[in-house]
Protein backbone atom coordinates (compact mmCIF):
# COMPACT_ATOMS: atom_id res chain seq x y z
CA MET A 1 -202.25 -72.21 22.68
CA ASN A 2 -206.03 -71.09 22.24
CA GLU A 3 -207.73 -70.17 18.96
CA VAL A 4 -209.98 -67.08 19.49
CA PHE A 5 -213.31 -68.07 17.87
CA SER A 6 -216.07 -65.72 16.48
CA GLN A 7 -219.22 -65.11 18.97
CA ASP A 8 -221.57 -64.82 16.29
CA PRO A 9 -224.53 -68.58 16.13
CA PRO A 10 -223.46 -71.26 13.32
CA LYS A 11 -225.33 -69.92 9.98
CA SER A 12 -223.16 -70.47 6.94
CA ARG A 13 -221.51 -73.93 5.78
CA ARG A 14 -218.30 -72.93 7.38
CA ASP A 15 -219.97 -72.20 11.09
CA LEU A 16 -221.74 -75.45 10.22
CA LEU A 17 -218.22 -77.70 9.43
CA LEU A 18 -216.51 -75.90 13.07
CA VAL A 19 -219.82 -77.11 14.62
CA GLY A 20 -219.04 -80.60 13.29
CA TRP A 21 -215.47 -80.06 13.81
CA VAL A 22 -215.91 -79.22 17.72
CA GLY A 23 -217.62 -82.51 17.69
CA LEU A 24 -215.15 -84.76 16.78
CA LEU A 25 -213.02 -82.82 19.19
CA VAL A 26 -215.50 -83.37 21.93
CA LEU A 27 -215.07 -87.05 21.16
CA ALA A 28 -212.15 -87.92 20.76
CA ALA A 29 -210.88 -86.67 24.14
CA SER A 30 -213.80 -88.21 25.56
CA ALA A 31 -212.43 -91.14 23.75
CA VAL A 32 -208.17 -90.57 25.05
CA THR A 33 -209.85 -89.90 29.01
CA VAL A 34 -212.04 -93.10 28.84
CA ALA A 35 -209.09 -95.25 26.98
CA LEU A 36 -206.59 -94.23 29.44
CA VAL A 37 -209.16 -95.06 32.38
CA GLU A 38 -209.45 -98.63 30.87
CA THR A 39 -205.90 -98.77 30.55
CA GLY A 40 -205.19 -98.89 34.61
CA TYR A 41 -204.34 -94.93 34.89
CA THR A 42 -205.34 -93.55 37.64
CA VAL A 43 -205.42 -89.56 39.70
CA GLY A 44 -203.05 -91.32 41.82
CA HIS A 45 -201.74 -87.86 44.27
CA PRO A 46 -205.14 -86.18 44.69
CA ILE A 47 -203.97 -82.93 46.68
CA ALA A 48 -200.86 -82.56 44.33
CA VAL A 49 -203.32 -82.39 41.21
CA VAL A 50 -205.30 -79.94 43.46
CA VAL A 51 -202.33 -77.49 43.63
CA LEU A 52 -201.48 -78.10 40.63
CA GLY A 53 -204.68 -77.71 39.31
CA VAL A 54 -205.46 -73.88 41.10
CA LEU A 55 -201.77 -73.19 39.59
CA ALA A 56 -203.22 -74.16 36.10
CA VAL A 57 -206.58 -71.76 36.32
CA LEU A 58 -203.58 -68.78 36.98
CA ALA A 59 -201.34 -69.59 34.61
CA GLU A 60 -204.62 -69.34 31.93
CA ARG A 61 -205.26 -65.74 33.47
CA GLU A 62 -201.78 -64.64 32.64
CA SER A 63 -201.94 -66.00 28.88
CA ILE A 64 -200.26 -63.75 26.28
CA ARG A 65 -202.23 -62.97 22.75
CA LEU A 66 -199.84 -63.44 19.79
CA GLY A 67 -202.07 -62.00 17.67
CA PRO A 68 -205.60 -61.73 16.34
CA ALA A 69 -206.34 -65.29 16.71
CA ILE A 70 -203.89 -67.25 18.91
CA GLU A 71 -203.38 -67.12 22.79
CA VAL A 72 -200.76 -68.91 24.90
CA SER A 73 -199.60 -69.36 28.60
CA VAL A 74 -197.28 -70.80 31.28
CA ALA A 75 -199.57 -73.42 31.88
CA SER A 76 -198.24 -75.97 29.64
CA ILE A 77 -195.15 -75.85 32.26
CA LEU A 78 -197.39 -77.73 34.59
CA CYS A 79 -199.15 -80.06 32.40
CA ILE A 80 -196.21 -81.69 31.00
CA PHE A 81 -194.30 -81.76 34.46
CA ALA A 82 -197.66 -83.16 35.72
CA ALA A 83 -197.19 -85.89 32.88
CA VAL A 84 -193.95 -87.17 33.42
CA VAL A 85 -194.32 -87.12 37.51
CA PHE A 86 -198.21 -87.94 37.83
CA GLY A 87 -198.66 -89.70 34.69
CA PRO A 88 -201.85 -89.31 32.13
CA LEU A 89 -205.03 -88.54 34.19
CA PRO A 90 -203.89 -86.31 36.09
CA ALA A 91 -201.89 -84.42 33.31
CA ILE A 92 -205.48 -84.08 31.56
CA ILE A 93 -207.12 -82.92 35.02
CA ILE A 94 -204.83 -79.71 35.64
CA GLY A 95 -204.77 -78.85 32.08
CA GLY A 96 -208.72 -79.34 31.77
CA ALA A 97 -208.40 -77.58 35.65
CA GLY A 98 -206.41 -74.53 33.52
CA LEU A 99 -209.53 -73.74 31.41
CA LEU A 100 -212.04 -73.30 33.96
CA ALA A 101 -210.72 -69.89 33.91
CA ASP A 102 -211.85 -69.36 30.51
CA LEU A 103 -215.82 -70.77 31.04
CA PRO A 104 -218.66 -69.33 29.03
CA ARG A 105 -220.27 -66.13 30.66
CA ARG A 106 -223.59 -65.49 29.93
CA ASP A 107 -223.13 -61.92 28.52
CA GLY A 108 -221.58 -64.12 25.40
CA THR A 109 -218.27 -62.30 25.85
CA GLN A 110 -216.81 -65.86 26.49
CA PRO A 111 -218.51 -68.59 24.24
CA PHE A 112 -219.75 -72.06 24.80
CA LEU A 113 -218.04 -73.14 21.31
CA ARG A 114 -214.59 -72.14 21.40
CA TRP A 115 -214.28 -73.19 25.57
CA MET A 116 -215.04 -76.55 24.42
CA THR A 117 -212.50 -76.67 21.41
CA TRP A 118 -209.64 -75.23 24.05
CA THR A 119 -210.82 -78.05 26.36
CA SER A 120 -210.61 -80.65 24.11
CA ILE A 121 -207.65 -79.43 22.33
CA ARG A 122 -205.75 -79.50 25.82
CA VAL A 123 -207.00 -82.80 27.07
CA ILE A 124 -206.36 -84.52 23.16
CA VAL A 125 -202.58 -82.72 23.34
CA VAL A 126 -201.93 -83.39 27.06
CA GLY A 127 -202.92 -87.52 26.79
CA ALA A 128 -201.05 -87.13 23.95
CA ALA A 129 -197.57 -86.02 25.51
CA ALA A 130 -197.80 -87.99 28.94
CA VAL A 131 -198.65 -91.07 26.98
CA ALA A 132 -194.83 -90.42 25.05
CA ALA A 133 -193.56 -89.47 28.61
CA MET A 134 -194.60 -92.74 30.06
CA ALA A 135 -193.10 -94.40 27.04
CA VAL A 136 -189.88 -93.27 27.01
CA LEU A 137 -189.76 -93.34 30.69
CA ALA A 138 -190.67 -97.25 30.91
CA ALA A 139 -187.61 -97.42 28.33
CA VAL A 140 -185.10 -95.53 30.63
CA HIS A 141 -183.37 -94.72 33.71
CA ARG A 142 -185.32 -92.37 36.30
CA ASP A 143 -181.76 -90.23 36.39
CA PHE A 144 -181.95 -86.38 35.41
CA TRP A 145 -181.18 -87.26 32.00
CA GLY A 146 -183.60 -90.18 31.42
CA ILE A 147 -186.78 -87.46 32.76
CA PHE A 148 -185.30 -85.10 30.38
CA ALA A 149 -185.55 -87.44 27.54
CA ALA A 150 -189.35 -87.99 28.86
CA VAL A 151 -189.57 -84.73 28.81
CA ALA A 152 -188.30 -83.27 25.45
CA ALA A 153 -190.79 -86.34 24.20
CA ALA A 154 -194.06 -85.16 25.91
CA TYR A 155 -192.99 -81.53 24.97
CA VAL A 156 -192.22 -82.25 20.71
CA VAL A 157 -195.61 -84.37 20.72
CA GLU A 158 -197.29 -81.26 22.29
CA THR A 159 -196.55 -79.16 20.00
CA VAL A 160 -196.92 -80.71 17.14
CA ALA A 161 -200.08 -81.81 18.09
CA ASP A 162 -201.19 -78.88 19.22
CA VAL A 163 -200.09 -76.63 16.41
CA ALA A 164 -202.06 -79.05 14.15
CA LEU A 165 -205.63 -79.21 15.79
CA THR A 166 -205.50 -75.67 16.51
CA LEU A 167 -205.36 -74.35 12.97
CA VAL A 168 -208.25 -76.66 11.75
CA ALA A 169 -210.76 -74.34 13.11
CA PRO A 170 -209.19 -70.83 11.40
CA ALA A 171 -209.03 -73.42 7.99
CA ILE A 172 -212.46 -73.84 8.56
CA ARG A 173 -213.30 -70.38 9.04
CA GLY A 174 -211.31 -69.19 6.53
CA THR A 175 -209.20 -66.55 8.48
CA GLY A 176 -206.21 -66.95 7.06
CA SER A 177 -203.96 -68.84 5.03
CA TRP A 178 -202.83 -72.45 6.65
CA LEU A 179 -198.95 -71.07 6.31
CA ASP A 180 -199.42 -68.03 7.42
CA SER A 181 -200.94 -69.27 10.28
CA VAL A 182 -198.14 -71.80 11.13
CA ARG A 183 -195.54 -69.06 10.64
CA SER A 184 -197.76 -67.40 13.16
CA VAL A 185 -197.54 -70.33 16.42
CA ALA A 186 -194.74 -72.11 15.41
CA PRO A 187 -191.67 -70.31 16.29
CA PRO A 188 -192.85 -69.17 19.62
CA LEU A 189 -193.82 -72.56 20.42
CA LEU A 190 -190.92 -74.00 19.06
CA ALA A 191 -188.71 -71.36 21.14
CA SER A 192 -190.32 -72.30 23.99
CA VAL A 193 -189.19 -75.95 24.20
CA PRO A 194 -185.74 -75.22 24.44
CA LEU A 195 -186.03 -73.12 28.03
CA GLN A 196 -188.49 -74.96 29.05
CA ALA A 197 -187.82 -78.62 28.61
CA PRO A 198 -184.81 -77.75 31.17
CA MET A 199 -186.55 -76.65 33.56
CA VAL A 200 -189.46 -79.10 33.87
CA ALA A 201 -186.91 -81.97 33.65
CA VAL A 202 -185.13 -80.25 37.27
CA LEU A 203 -188.59 -79.79 38.45
CA ALA A 204 -189.53 -83.11 37.77
CA TYR A 205 -185.90 -84.60 38.93
CA SER A 206 -186.28 -82.52 41.97
CA TYR A 207 -189.74 -84.00 42.64
CA ILE A 208 -188.91 -87.66 42.45
CA ASN A 209 -185.24 -88.59 43.30
CA ILE A 210 -184.90 -85.17 46.04
CA SER A 211 -188.43 -84.39 47.68
CA PRO A 212 -191.51 -82.86 46.90
CA GLY A 213 -190.47 -79.62 48.39
CA SER A 214 -187.38 -79.40 46.83
CA VAL A 215 -189.48 -78.37 44.05
CA ALA A 216 -190.69 -74.61 45.54
CA LEU A 217 -186.86 -73.69 44.85
CA PHE A 218 -187.09 -74.29 40.62
CA ALA A 219 -190.82 -73.74 40.32
CA ILE A 220 -190.79 -69.71 40.80
CA PRO A 221 -187.67 -69.03 38.62
CA ALA A 222 -188.64 -71.47 35.82
CA VAL A 223 -192.25 -69.57 35.47
CA ALA A 224 -190.78 -66.81 35.44
CA ALA A 225 -188.48 -67.43 32.71
CA GLN A 226 -191.65 -68.62 30.87
CA ARG A 227 -193.59 -65.67 31.39
CA LEU A 228 -190.52 -63.50 30.62
CA LEU A 229 -190.34 -65.13 27.21
CA LEU A 230 -194.07 -65.01 26.21
CA LEU A 231 -193.22 -60.76 26.99
CA TYR A 232 -190.87 -60.82 24.90
CA ARG A 233 -192.98 -62.21 22.05
CA GLN A 234 -195.77 -59.69 23.22
CA GLN A 235 -193.30 -57.36 23.19
CA ARG A 236 -192.13 -57.94 19.92
CA GLU A 237 -195.72 -58.24 18.17
CA THR A 238 -196.56 -54.71 19.73
CA ALA A 239 -193.41 -53.24 18.49
CA GLU A 240 -194.48 -54.57 14.86
CA ALA A 241 -197.46 -53.07 15.05
CA LEU A 242 -196.50 -50.04 16.50
CA GLY A 243 -194.14 -49.67 13.15
CA SER A 244 -196.90 -50.36 10.76
CA ALA A 245 -198.91 -47.79 12.18
CA ASN A 246 -196.13 -45.12 12.21
CA ALA A 247 -195.88 -46.15 8.53
CA ARG A 248 -199.21 -45.51 7.69
CA LEU A 249 -198.98 -41.87 9.89
CA ALA A 250 -196.17 -41.22 7.82
CA ARG A 251 -198.04 -41.33 4.57
CA ALA A 252 -200.91 -39.63 5.95
CA ASN A 253 -199.14 -36.67 6.84
CA LEU A 254 -197.70 -36.80 3.41
CA SER A 255 -201.32 -37.53 1.45
CA PHE A 256 -202.47 -34.85 4.08
CA ALA A 257 -199.36 -31.85 2.66
CA THR A 258 -199.31 -32.77 -0.56
CA ALA A 259 -203.36 -32.13 -0.70
CA LEU A 260 -202.24 -28.34 0.90
CA VAL A 261 -200.05 -28.25 -1.65
CA ALA A 262 -202.27 -29.00 -4.81
CA THR A 263 -204.52 -26.60 -3.67
CA LEU A 264 -201.89 -23.81 -3.80
CA ASP A 265 -200.73 -25.06 -6.97
CA ALA A 266 -204.41 -24.40 -8.40
CA ARG A 267 -204.30 -21.45 -7.85
CA ASP A 268 -200.87 -19.76 -8.83
CA ARG A 269 -199.98 -21.38 -12.17
CA TYR A 270 -196.32 -19.83 -12.66
CA THR A 271 -195.80 -21.45 -8.85
CA ALA A 272 -196.82 -24.99 -9.28
CA GLY A 273 -194.40 -27.47 -8.63
CA HIS A 274 -191.92 -25.21 -6.45
CA SER A 275 -193.30 -26.89 -3.21
CA ALA A 276 -192.60 -30.41 -4.41
CA ALA A 277 -188.71 -29.24 -5.69
CA VAL A 278 -188.41 -27.85 -2.27
CA ALA A 279 -189.80 -30.88 -0.79
CA ILE A 280 -186.88 -32.85 -2.96
CA TYR A 281 -183.84 -30.41 -2.17
CA ALA A 282 -184.74 -29.99 1.33
CA ARG A 283 -184.64 -33.85 2.26
CA ASP A 284 -181.42 -34.37 0.33
CA ILE A 285 -179.58 -31.39 2.13
CA ALA A 286 -180.37 -32.60 5.41
CA LYS A 287 -179.49 -36.08 4.54
CA ARG A 288 -176.20 -34.29 3.09
CA MET A 289 -176.07 -33.03 6.84
CA GLY A 290 -176.22 -36.54 8.07
CA LEU A 291 -179.27 -35.39 9.72
CA THR A 292 -180.93 -38.56 11.39
CA ALA A 293 -184.20 -40.28 8.78
CA GLU A 294 -186.62 -38.96 11.05
CA GLU A 295 -184.82 -34.92 10.22
CA GLN A 296 -184.60 -35.58 6.56
CA GLY A 297 -188.59 -36.86 6.81
CA LEU A 298 -189.35 -33.66 8.21
CA ALA A 299 -187.58 -31.63 5.89
CA HIS A 300 -189.60 -33.47 2.83
CA LEU A 301 -192.93 -32.47 4.87
CA CYS A 302 -191.91 -29.46 5.70
CA GLY A 303 -190.44 -28.23 2.06
CA LEU A 304 -193.84 -29.25 0.73
CA VAL A 305 -196.14 -27.06 2.73
CA HIS A 306 -193.42 -24.20 3.76
CA ASP A 307 -195.67 -22.07 1.19
CA VAL A 308 -199.18 -23.19 2.15
CA GLY A 309 -200.12 -19.63 3.90
CA LYS A 310 -200.20 -17.76 1.07
CA ILE A 311 -203.71 -19.78 0.13
CA GLY A 312 -204.40 -17.02 2.73
CA LEU A 313 -203.28 -13.95 0.54
CA ALA A 314 -205.89 -11.53 -0.35
CA ALA A 315 -207.34 -12.76 -4.10
CA GLY A 316 -205.16 -10.83 -6.87
CA LEU A 317 -202.03 -10.57 -4.77
CA LEU A 318 -200.65 -13.58 -5.33
CA GLU A 319 -201.16 -13.39 -9.34
CA LYS A 320 -200.19 -10.69 -10.19
CA PRO A 321 -198.06 -10.74 -12.79
CA GLY A 322 -195.54 -8.33 -12.56
CA ALA A 323 -193.28 -6.27 -9.35
CA LEU A 324 -194.86 -6.26 -6.13
CA THR A 325 -195.27 -2.51 -4.62
CA LEU A 326 -193.86 -2.45 -1.10
CA GLU A 327 -196.95 -2.76 0.40
CA GLU A 328 -197.81 -5.65 -2.16
CA ARG A 329 -194.83 -7.22 -0.56
CA ARG A 330 -195.37 -6.92 3.12
CA GLN A 331 -198.75 -8.52 2.61
CA MET A 332 -197.12 -11.04 0.12
CA GLU A 333 -194.68 -11.63 3.84
CA GLN A 334 -197.75 -12.48 5.84
CA HIS A 335 -197.93 -15.77 4.24
CA SER A 336 -195.28 -17.44 6.91
CA THR A 337 -197.10 -16.72 9.52
CA ILE A 338 -200.59 -17.43 7.98
CA GLY A 339 -199.53 -21.28 6.82
CA GLU A 340 -198.07 -21.60 10.47
CA ARG A 341 -201.78 -20.78 11.79
CA ILE A 342 -203.47 -22.59 9.14
CA LEU A 343 -200.71 -25.72 10.22
CA ALA A 344 -201.35 -25.06 14.00
CA ASN A 345 -205.06 -26.65 13.49
CA VAL A 346 -203.79 -29.92 12.70
CA ASP A 347 -202.85 -32.16 15.74
CA ASP A 348 -199.07 -33.09 16.12
CA TYR A 349 -198.07 -30.46 13.39
CA GLY A 350 -197.16 -27.68 16.01
CA GLU A 351 -193.32 -28.30 14.90
CA ILE A 352 -194.35 -27.73 11.33
CA ALA A 353 -195.73 -25.02 11.94
CA ALA A 354 -193.09 -23.49 13.89
CA ILE A 355 -190.39 -24.32 10.73
CA VAL A 356 -193.10 -22.90 8.37
CA ARG A 357 -193.04 -19.93 10.43
CA HIS A 358 -189.58 -19.35 10.19
CA HIS A 359 -188.91 -20.51 6.86
CA HIS A 360 -188.14 -16.62 5.83
CA GLU A 361 -185.50 -15.59 8.93
CA ARG A 362 -182.25 -14.46 8.27
CA VAL A 363 -178.83 -16.09 10.35
CA ASP A 364 -178.17 -12.24 10.43
CA GLY A 365 -181.74 -11.06 12.18
CA LEU A 366 -183.04 -9.26 9.06
CA GLY A 367 -185.39 -12.19 7.86
CA TYR A 368 -189.49 -11.79 8.90
CA PRO A 369 -191.59 -12.51 11.10
CA ASP A 370 -189.07 -12.58 14.33
CA LYS A 371 -186.52 -11.05 13.05
CA LEU A 372 -184.47 -14.12 14.52
CA VAL A 373 -180.49 -14.78 14.65
CA ASP A 374 -178.37 -17.57 13.31
CA SER A 375 -179.24 -21.16 15.41
CA GLU A 376 -182.58 -19.14 16.94
CA ILE A 377 -183.71 -20.28 13.64
CA PRO A 378 -184.80 -23.83 13.67
CA MET A 379 -182.42 -25.98 11.41
CA ILE A 380 -185.34 -27.30 9.02
CA ALA A 381 -186.21 -23.85 8.75
CA ARG A 382 -182.09 -22.49 7.33
CA ILE A 383 -182.02 -25.80 5.26
CA ILE A 384 -185.94 -24.85 3.60
CA ALA A 385 -184.48 -21.37 2.97
CA VAL A 386 -182.02 -22.09 0.92
CA ALA A 387 -184.05 -24.60 -0.81
CA ASP A 388 -186.55 -22.45 -1.34
CA ALA A 389 -184.55 -19.45 -2.64
CA TYR A 390 -182.17 -21.95 -5.01
CA ASN A 391 -186.09 -22.85 -6.86
CA ALA A 392 -187.21 -19.92 -6.78
CA MET A 393 -184.35 -18.29 -8.77
CA THR A 394 -184.05 -21.24 -11.29
CA SER A 395 -187.69 -21.34 -11.93
CA ASP A 396 -189.67 -18.85 -14.66
CA ARG A 397 -191.58 -16.01 -13.39
CA PRO A 398 -194.40 -13.86 -15.34
CA TYR A 399 -191.73 -11.06 -14.77
CA ARG A 400 -188.45 -12.50 -15.45
CA ASP A 401 -186.66 -15.69 -16.98
CA ALA A 402 -185.25 -18.81 -14.73
CA MET A 403 -181.43 -18.29 -13.89
CA PRO A 404 -179.24 -20.98 -14.84
CA SER A 405 -178.25 -23.15 -12.23
CA ARG A 406 -174.41 -21.84 -12.50
CA VAL A 407 -175.85 -18.17 -11.03
CA ALA A 408 -178.39 -19.65 -8.44
CA ARG A 409 -175.29 -21.07 -6.83
CA LEU A 410 -173.37 -18.25 -6.91
CA ARG A 411 -175.94 -16.22 -5.67
CA LEU A 412 -176.45 -18.64 -2.66
CA ALA A 413 -172.91 -18.47 -2.24
CA GLN A 414 -172.79 -14.73 -1.81
CA ALA A 415 -175.51 -14.86 1.04
CA VAL A 416 -173.66 -16.98 3.17
CA GLU A 417 -173.48 -15.35 6.82
CA SER A 418 -176.03 -13.05 6.05
CA GLN A 419 -179.26 -14.49 4.34
CA PHE A 420 -177.86 -18.16 4.69
CA ASP A 421 -176.52 -20.82 7.51
CA THR A 422 -173.24 -21.28 5.45
CA SER A 423 -173.31 -25.17 6.17
CA VAL A 424 -176.76 -25.65 4.60
CA VAL A 425 -175.20 -24.03 1.18
CA ALA A 426 -172.07 -26.01 1.76
CA ALA A 427 -173.92 -29.36 2.06
CA PHE A 428 -176.49 -28.16 -0.77
CA GLU A 429 -173.39 -27.35 -2.55
CA ALA A 430 -172.14 -30.62 -2.75
CA VAL A 431 -175.25 -32.45 -3.24
CA LEU A 432 -176.16 -30.00 -6.85
CA ALA A 433 -172.46 -30.29 -7.60
CA THR A 434 -172.69 -34.41 -8.48
CA ALA A 435 -176.00 -34.37 -9.70
CA ASP A 436 -177.55 -33.59 -12.82
CA GLU A 437 -178.87 -30.44 -14.88
CA ALA A 438 -182.51 -31.43 -14.36
CA TYR A 439 -181.73 -32.06 -10.63
CA ARG A 440 -180.16 -28.49 -10.88
CA MET A 441 -183.22 -27.06 -12.61
CA GLY A 442 -185.82 -29.14 -11.30
CA THR A 443 -187.10 -30.24 -13.60
CA ARG A 444 -186.70 -34.45 -13.29
CA ALA A 445 -189.74 -36.49 -13.39
CA ASP A 446 -190.01 -36.84 -9.37
CA PHE A 447 -189.96 -33.14 -8.85
CA SER A 448 -193.76 -33.09 -8.66
CA LEU A 449 -196.87 -32.90 -6.93
CA ALA A 450 -197.76 -36.25 -8.40
CA ALA A 451 -194.81 -37.83 -7.07
CA SER A 452 -194.85 -36.65 -3.85
CA HIS A 453 -198.55 -37.86 -4.11
CA SER A 454 -198.40 -40.91 -4.55
CA GLU A 455 -197.92 -42.68 -1.52
CA GLY A 456 -201.13 -41.45 -0.10
CA ARG A 457 -204.05 -39.05 -0.42
CA GLN A 458 -206.28 -37.40 1.99
CA PRO A 459 -207.76 -34.06 0.67
CA ALA A 460 -211.09 -33.51 2.75
CA THR A 461 -208.01 -33.84 5.46
CA ALA A 462 -206.96 -30.34 4.09
CA GLU A 463 -209.78 -28.67 3.39
CA ILE A 464 -210.83 -29.22 6.81
CA ALA A 465 -207.53 -28.24 7.71
CA ILE A 466 -207.98 -24.60 5.85
CA ALA A 467 -211.09 -24.07 6.90
CA ALA A 468 -210.55 -24.26 10.53
CA ALA A 469 -207.77 -21.52 10.67
CA TYR A 470 -210.26 -19.14 8.59
């Protein structure tokens, strides 16, 4: 496991402490190596060590990043195998050789401090794991279970020492809490032990008790299995990051929509809050109809922006206190196409723009702007049409008072199969039947633009989109 360092030269007190820590690691690694030589351990099988060293270099090139500061590779299989079969010195050589793939580079993309840290930790950890394995082998028979016990001991020592030493540098640099770091690196390491230990035990038993050539029968499946484990971990991290990015994007979309609606509400005080109410009604209808969570969110978002095209209407038309003339009504009907034109300038808003264009279509084909019929109208647009009409009827206008909710519900029922989709009206009626009067009249506290806007704000984006449309 490798910790990723900054490329900046040491300047602060933390950096000086980090340099001191690396110096201690180098001294400790050197002391471990010297102690092993003095104890009588030798390389023993130079050809095998060279072959495994080359494999370790290749394994390090396939390391997997588990987080912003942690990498792991399959080289631990080779190190533990060497520790059990050949002893501490060969294991140290193979472990250190693997890190030749990460030698410092002149362009500074691989700092010397980082490489020295990795190498020193590898020497200490692998040396300790090998000594543990030798101690177990000295006390048991070298049958499969004895070798398995040695491998397990080596893995326990390696995992504990690796986690402990690797997390010191991030703690010194203050790049995260120690507990968070443990939670990040310990699970994948601990999860890999039950998979790796039996495989390495089989490899070691085959080499010791059958023949060196038999190792090839097990080596490829063993490395492949470990690689799959690491790829699974990487995929899970990627999925979590993607989920977080999608959540941020959803908040940005909602913020953008509320910014557009705020612009409209500032111009037309009589319809202020209408879009927020339509958004909530549309979302609840979609939920009642069994639409997916994504479709429910789309209904809410389209409800917020369904009338945004009114921003582009002629001055005085939207603010007119009385009933509209025929010509003025025709101009008003242009708001759905204007809204589509505005939203079409926003990346990934194509579906939303189409729904806004068609939210005044009728199932009998007498709506506008394209006179679509029944299923030709997008489902979300049919939902918006019902929610829009209901809230308009239950809201005060300068030329009439709000209708009682029971009257508005009756009007919806009378317009099924002509103006509105029957299934949408039925779903909305089921929602309204169990709701309180504040919900039915759109006066509840959450029926406001401020409530919709609480998840994020990007008003500048709205201004850019509006400017791009004209």
